[in-house]
């Protein structure tokens, strides 16, 4: 016995197929969502892992006002920064210092005591003033964020506190 479709049944089937056709790309895209920009972390044994912006957003995020004093005594880059503590990104791995490496090859070595200093929390910022990487052109950036927001050269005990505020960070390399 042949089944005959009514006009109403065909319209329902066409509507259902239309919904499936519209929803399929969204489902596929969500399964293969872009994790966003990444940073590489090399431990003391040379093993490397990657952490994406998407993963960082699932971690504890510190948001504070921050700025620093440069080698000439000028205050720079005042803003509201959001990011993950470097110590949280590094984890419980043993290290004496960490080399922060920028995309252009700029490199600064930060002693473990500075990375873990609760009075001067050091974050890998992924956002400044509500602009997030990759739209934030500074890229991932190290920021030092004491409660009062400002890192002076004298308080930090250096010639240039700004030397620690590395822009466009691509790698963290842990040193034994």
C-alpha atoms as a PDB file:
ATOM      1  CA  UNK A   1       0.000   0.000   0.000  1.00  0.00           C
ATOM      2  CA  UNK A   2       1.433   3.344  -1.027  1.00  0.00           C
ATOM      3  CA  UNK A   3       1.446   6.197   1.394  1.00  0.00           C
ATOM      4  CA  UNK A   4       0.302   9.551   0.094  1.00  0.00           C
ATOM      5  CA  UNK A   5       1.674  12.628   1.738  1.00  0.00           C
ATOM      6  CA  UNK A   6      -0.632  15.477   2.462  1.00  0.00           C
ATOM      7  CA  UNK A   7       0.405  19.011   1.772  1.00  0.00           C
ATOM      8  CA  UNK A   8       0.531  19.695   5.511  1.00  0.00           C
ATOM      9  CA  UNK A   9       2.866  16.699   6.145  1.00  0.00           C
ATOM     10  CA  UNK A  10       5.199  17.773   3.341  1.00  0.00           C
ATOM     11  CA  UNK A  11       5.287  21.312   4.739  1.00  0.00           C
ATOM     12  CA  UNK A  12       6.191  19.966   8.204  1.00  0.00           C
ATOM     13  CA  UNK A  13       8.941  17.788   6.730  1.00  0.00           C
ATOM     14  CA  UNK A  14      10.322  20.710   4.725  1.00  0.00           C
ATOM     15  CA  UNK A  15      10.295  22.912   7.842  1.00  0.00           C
ATOM     16  CA  UNK A  16      12.112  20.233   9.865  1.00  0.00           C
ATOM     17  CA  UNK A  17      14.746  19.823   7.136  1.00  0.00           C
ATOM     18  CA  UNK A  18      15.217  23.600   7.025  1.00  0.00           C
ATOM     19  CA  UNK A  19      15.809  23.746  10.790  1.00  0.00           C
ATOM     20  CA  UNK A  20      18.326  20.888  10.580  1.00  0.00           C
ATOM     21  CA  UNK A  21      20.137  22.569   7.689  1.00  0.00           C
ATOM     22  CA  UNK A  22      20.464  25.808   9.681  1.00  0.00           C
ATOM     23  CA  UNK A  23      21.495  24.134  12.936  1.00  0.00           C
ATOM     24  CA  UNK A  24      24.074  21.708  11.510  1.00  0.00           C
ATOM     25  CA  UNK A  25      26.787  24.331  10.829  1.00  0.00           C
ATOM     26  CA  UNK A  26      26.372  25.755  14.339  1.00  0.00           C
ATOM     27  CA  UNK A  27      26.747  22.326  15.910  1.00  0.00           C
ATOM     28  CA  UNK A  28      29.771  21.502  13.767  1.00  0.00           C
ATOM     29  CA  UNK A  29      31.378  24.875  14.563  1.00  0.00           C
ATOM     30  CA  UNK A  30      30.857  24.398  18.309  1.00  0.00           C
ATOM     31  CA  UNK A  31      32.502  20.969  18.137  1.00  0.00           C
ATOM     32  CA  UNK A  32      35.520  22.452  16.382  1.00  0.00           C
ATOM     33  CA  UNK A  33      35.616  25.860  18.075  1.00  0.00           C
ATOM     34  CA  UNK A  34      38.804  27.853  17.786  1.00  0.00           C
ATOM     35  CA  UNK A  35      40.577  27.890  21.166  1.00  0.00           C
ATOM     36  CA  UNK A  36      41.990  31.294  20.286  1.00  0.00           C
ATOM     37  CA  UNK A  37      45.560  32.466  20.749  1.00  0.00           C
ATOM     38  CA  UNK A  38      47.943  30.164  22.618  1.00  0.00           C
ATOM     39  CA  UNK A  39      51.070  30.398  24.726  1.00  0.00           C
ATOM     40  CA  UNK A  40      53.709  27.674  25.028  1.00  0.00           C
ATOM     41  CA  UNK A  41      55.246  26.678  28.351  1.00  0.00           C
ATOM     42  CA  UNK A  42      58.463  24.645  28.428  1.00  0.00           C
ATOM     43  CA  UNK A  43      59.248  22.940  31.727  1.00  0.00           C
ATOM     44  CA  UNK A  44      62.759  22.327  33.084  1.00  0.00           C
ATOM     45  CA  UNK A  45      63.019  18.972  31.279  1.00  0.00           C
ATOM     46  CA  UNK A  46      62.152  20.611  27.938  1.00  0.00           C
ATOM     47  CA  UNK A  47      58.614  19.244  27.616  1.00  0.00           C
ATOM     48  CA  UNK A  48      56.300  21.814  26.070  1.00  0.00           C
ATOM     49  CA  UNK A  49      52.589  22.313  26.555  1.00  0.00           C
ATOM     50  CA  UNK A  50      50.207  24.839  25.115  1.00  0.00           C
ATOM     51  CA  UNK A  51      47.555  26.828  26.931  1.00  0.00           C
ATOM     52  CA  UNK A  52      44.912  28.617  24.906  1.00  0.00           C
ATOM     53  CA  UNK A  53      42.985  31.761  25.668  1.00  0.00           C
ATOM     54  CA  UNK A  54      39.887  29.589  25.989  1.00  0.00           C
ATOM     55  CA  UNK A  55      41.601  27.489  28.688  1.00  0.00           C
ATOM     56  CA  UNK A  56      42.860  30.590  30.518  1.00  0.00           C
ATOM     57  CA  UNK A  57      39.317  31.883  30.787  1.00  0.00           C
ATOM     58  CA  UNK A  58      38.353  28.746  32.731  1.00  0.00           C
ATOM     59  CA  UNK A  59      41.070  29.453  35.322  1.00  0.00           C
ATOM     60  CA  UNK A  60      41.009  31.969  38.178  1.00  0.00           C
ATOM     61  CA  UNK A  61      41.320  35.419  36.577  1.00  0.00           C
ATOM     62  CA  UNK A  62      42.744  38.450  38.371  1.00  0.00           C
ATOM     63  CA  UNK A  63      41.436  41.847  37.233  1.00  0.00           C
ATOM     64  CA  UNK A  64      43.049  45.021  38.554  1.00  0.00           C
ATOM     65  CA  UNK A  65      44.156  48.472  37.585  1.00  0.00           C
ATOM     66  CA  UNK A  66      47.831  48.592  36.729  1.00  0.00           C
ATOM     67  CA  UNK A  67      50.654  50.757  35.437  1.00  0.00           C
ATOM     68  CA  UNK A  68      54.415  50.819  35.716  1.00  0.00           C
ATOM     69  CA  UNK A  69      57.317  53.209  35.855  1.00  0.00           C
ATOM     70  CA  UNK A  70      59.838  53.031  33.012  1.00  0.00           C
ATOM     71  CA  UNK A  71      63.596  53.635  33.175  1.00  0.00           C
ATOM     72  CA  UNK A  72      63.072  57.395  32.800  1.00  0.00           C
ATOM     73  CA  UNK A  73      60.642  57.540  35.705  1.00  0.00           C
ATOM     74  CA  UNK A  74      57.574  57.992  33.463  1.00  0.00           C
ATOM     75  CA  UNK A  75      54.363  56.126  34.276  1.00  0.00           C
ATOM     76  CA  UNK A  76      53.049  54.039  31.377  1.00  0.00           C
ATOM     77  CA  UNK A  77      50.144  51.892  30.185  1.00  0.00           C
ATOM     78  CA  UNK A  78      47.603  52.679  32.908  1.00  0.00           C
ATOM     79  CA  UNK A  79      44.576  50.437  32.491  1.00  0.00           C
ATOM     80  CA  UNK A  80      42.440  47.630  33.840  1.00  0.00           C
ATOM     81  CA  UNK A  81      44.165  44.302  33.159  1.00  0.00           C
ATOM     82  CA  UNK A  82      42.694  40.798  33.346  1.00  0.00           C
ATOM     83  CA  UNK A  83      44.698  37.602  33.241  1.00  0.00           C
ATOM     84  CA  UNK A  84      45.931  34.468  34.966  1.00  0.00           C
ATOM     85  CA  UNK A  85      48.677  34.401  37.586  1.00  0.00           C
ATOM     86  CA  UNK A  86      51.945  33.153  36.093  1.00  0.00           C
ATOM     87  CA  UNK A  87      52.269  30.828  39.078  1.00  0.00           C
ATOM     88  CA  UNK A  88      48.908  29.235  38.152  1.00  0.00           C
ATOM     89  CA  UNK A  89      49.991  28.793  34.519  1.00  0.00           C
ATOM     90  CA  UNK A  90      53.289  27.245  35.594  1.00  0.00           C
ATOM     91  CA  UNK A  91      51.718  24.989  38.214  1.00  0.00           C
ATOM     92  CA  UNK A  92      53.574  22.984  40.860  1.00  0.00           C
ATOM     93  CA  UNK A  93      56.643  22.489  38.696  1.00  0.00           C
ATOM     94  CA  UNK A  94      60.076  23.084  40.217  1.00  0.00           C
ATOM     95  CA  UNK A  95      61.940  26.055  38.690  1.00  0.00           C
ATOM     96  CA  UNK A  96      64.369  28.759  39.800  1.00  0.00           C
ATOM     97  CA  UNK A  97      63.354  31.369  37.219  1.00  0.00           C
ATOM     98  CA  UNK A  98      61.262  31.752  34.099  1.00  0.00           C
ATOM     99  CA  UNK A  99      62.271  33.292  30.788  1.00  0.00           C
ATOM    100  CA  UNK A 100      59.403  35.304  29.342  1.00  0.00           C
ATOM    101  CA  UNK A 101      59.854  35.373  25.567  1.00  0.00           C
ATOM    102  CA  UNK A 102      58.032  37.767  23.237  1.00  0.00           C
ATOM    103  CA  UNK A 103      57.141  37.129  19.589  1.00  0.00           C
ATOM    104  CA  UNK A 104      59.919  39.491  18.468  1.00  0.00           C
ATOM    105  CA  UNK A 105      62.566  37.652  20.522  1.00  0.00           C
ATOM    106  CA  UNK A 106      62.654  40.082  23.481  1.00  0.00           C
ATOM    107  CA  UNK A 107      63.381  38.034  26.568  1.00  0.00           C
ATOM    108  CA  UNK A 108      63.445  38.763  30.277  1.00  0.00           C
ATOM    109  CA  UNK A 109      64.321  36.366  33.091  1.00  0.00           C
ATOM    110  CA  UNK A 110      62.084  36.582  36.156  1.00  0.00           C
ATOM    111  CA  UNK A 111      63.174  34.998  39.424  1.00  0.00           C
ATOM    112  CA  UNK A 112      60.799  32.559  41.116  1.00  0.00           C
ATOM    113  CA  UNK A 113      60.443  34.901  44.106  1.00  0.00           C
ATOM    114  CA  UNK A 114      58.996  37.618  41.840  1.00  0.00           C
ATOM    115  CA  UNK A 115      56.658  35.175  40.049  1.00  0.00           C
ATOM    116  CA  UNK A 116      55.263  34.061  43.412  1.00  0.00           C
ATOM    117  CA  UNK A 117      55.281  37.436  45.228  1.00  0.00           C
ATOM    118  CA  UNK A 118      51.769  37.910  46.692  1.00  0.00           C
ATOM    119  CA  UNK A 119      52.340  41.678  47.122  1.00  0.00           C
ATOM    120  CA  UNK A 120      53.152  42.105  43.425  1.00  0.00           C
ATOM    121  CA  UNK A 121      51.054  39.456  41.641  1.00  0.00           C
ATOM    122  CA  UNK A 122      52.409  38.779  38.168  1.00  0.00           C
ATOM    123  CA  UNK A 123      49.805  37.812  35.581  1.00  0.00           C
ATOM    124  CA  UNK A 124      49.740  36.886  31.941  1.00  0.00           C
ATOM    125  CA  UNK A 125      47.145  39.432  30.865  1.00  0.00           C
ATOM    126  CA  UNK A 126      44.833  38.595  27.979  1.00  0.00           C
ATOM    127  CA  UNK A 127      42.722  41.730  28.279  1.00  0.00           C
ATOM    128  CA  UNK A 128      43.174  45.456  28.909  1.00  0.00           C
ATOM    129  CA  UNK A 129      40.301  47.902  29.319  1.00  0.00           C
ATOM    130  CA  UNK A 130      37.762  45.362  28.005  1.00  0.00           C
ATOM    131  CA  UNK A 131      39.760  44.671  24.815  1.00  0.00           C
ATOM    132  CA  UNK A 132      40.859  41.056  24.574  1.00  0.00           C
ATOM    133  CA  UNK A 133      43.530  39.336  22.489  1.00  0.00           C
ATOM    134  CA  UNK A 134      43.713  39.103  19.537  1.00  0.00           C
ATOM    135  CA  UNK A 135      41.916  42.481  19.201  1.00  0.00           C
ATOM    136  CA  UNK A 136      44.216  43.842  21.945  1.00  0.00           C
ATOM    137  CA  UNK A 137      47.337  44.405  19.869  1.00  0.00           C
ATOM    138  CA  UNK A 138      49.745  44.033  22.831  1.00  0.00           C
ATOM    139  CA  UNK A 139      48.850  40.329  22.761  1.00  0.00           C
ATOM    140  CA  UNK A 140      49.396  38.271  25.880  1.00  0.00           C
ATOM    141  CA  UNK A 141      51.267  40.571  28.240  1.00  0.00           C
ATOM    142  CA  UNK A 142      52.936  40.189  31.592  1.00  0.00           C
ATOM    143  CA  UNK A 143      51.518  42.686  34.077  1.00  0.00           C
ATOM    144  CA  UNK A 144      52.488  43.204  37.709  1.00  0.00           C
ATOM    145  CA  UNK A 145      49.425  44.241  39.705  1.00  0.00           C
ATOM    146  CA  UNK A 146      49.847  45.275  43.342  1.00  0.00           C
ATOM    147  CA  UNK A 147      46.663  46.315  45.111  1.00  0.00           C
ATOM    148  CA  UNK A 148      47.396  50.025  44.636  1.00  0.00           C
ATOM    149  CA  UNK A 149      47.887  49.421  40.895  1.00  0.00           C
ATOM    150  CA  UNK A 150      51.243  51.117  40.348  1.00  0.00           C
ATOM    151  CA  UNK A 151      54.665  49.475  40.167  1.00  0.00           C
ATOM    152  CA  UNK A 152      57.345  52.090  40.791  1.00  0.00           C
ATOM    153  CA  UNK A 153      61.011  51.460  40.146  1.00  0.00           C
ATOM    154  CA  UNK A 154      61.887  52.165  43.778  1.00  0.00           C
ATOM    155  CA  UNK A 155      59.190  49.895  45.245  1.00  0.00           C
ATOM    156  CA  UNK A 156      60.086  47.054  42.876  1.00  0.00           C
ATOM    157  CA  UNK A 157      63.820  47.537  43.476  1.00  0.00           C
ATOM    158  CA  UNK A 158      64.800  47.868  39.787  1.00  0.00           C
ATOM    159  CA  UNK A 159      65.928  50.493  37.301  1.00  0.00           C
ATOM    160  CA  UNK A 160      62.825  49.886  35.158  1.00  0.00           C
ATOM    161  CA  UNK A 161      59.704  48.125  36.413  1.00  0.00           C
ATOM    162  CA  UNK A 162      58.492  48.352  32.812  1.00  0.00           C
ATOM    163  CA  UNK A 163      61.115  45.799  31.788  1.00  0.00           C
ATOM    164  CA  UNK A 164      58.930  43.088  33.338  1.00  0.00           C
ATOM    165  CA  UNK A 165      55.794  44.131  31.408  1.00  0.00           C
ATOM    166  CA  UNK A 166      56.599  42.057  28.320  1.00  0.00           C
ATOM    167  CA  UNK A 167      54.181  42.467  25.379  1.00  0.00           C
ATOM    168  CA  UNK A 168      53.182  39.799  22.829  1.00  0.00           C
ATOM    169  CA  UNK A 169      54.412  36.935  25.008  1.00  0.00           C
ATOM    170  CA  UNK A 170      54.680  33.687  23.053  1.00  0.00           C
ATOM    171  CA  UNK A 171      56.589  31.387  25.447  1.00  0.00           C
ATOM    172  CA  UNK A 172      57.442  30.817  29.072  1.00  0.00           C
ATOM    173  CA  UNK A 173      60.586  28.761  29.595  1.00  0.00           C
ATOM    174  CA  UNK A 174      61.185  27.385  33.087  1.00  0.00           C
ATOM    175  CA  UNK A 175      64.792  27.244  34.260  1.00  0.00           C
ATOM    176  CA  UNK A 176      66.106  24.664  36.774  1.00  0.00           C
END
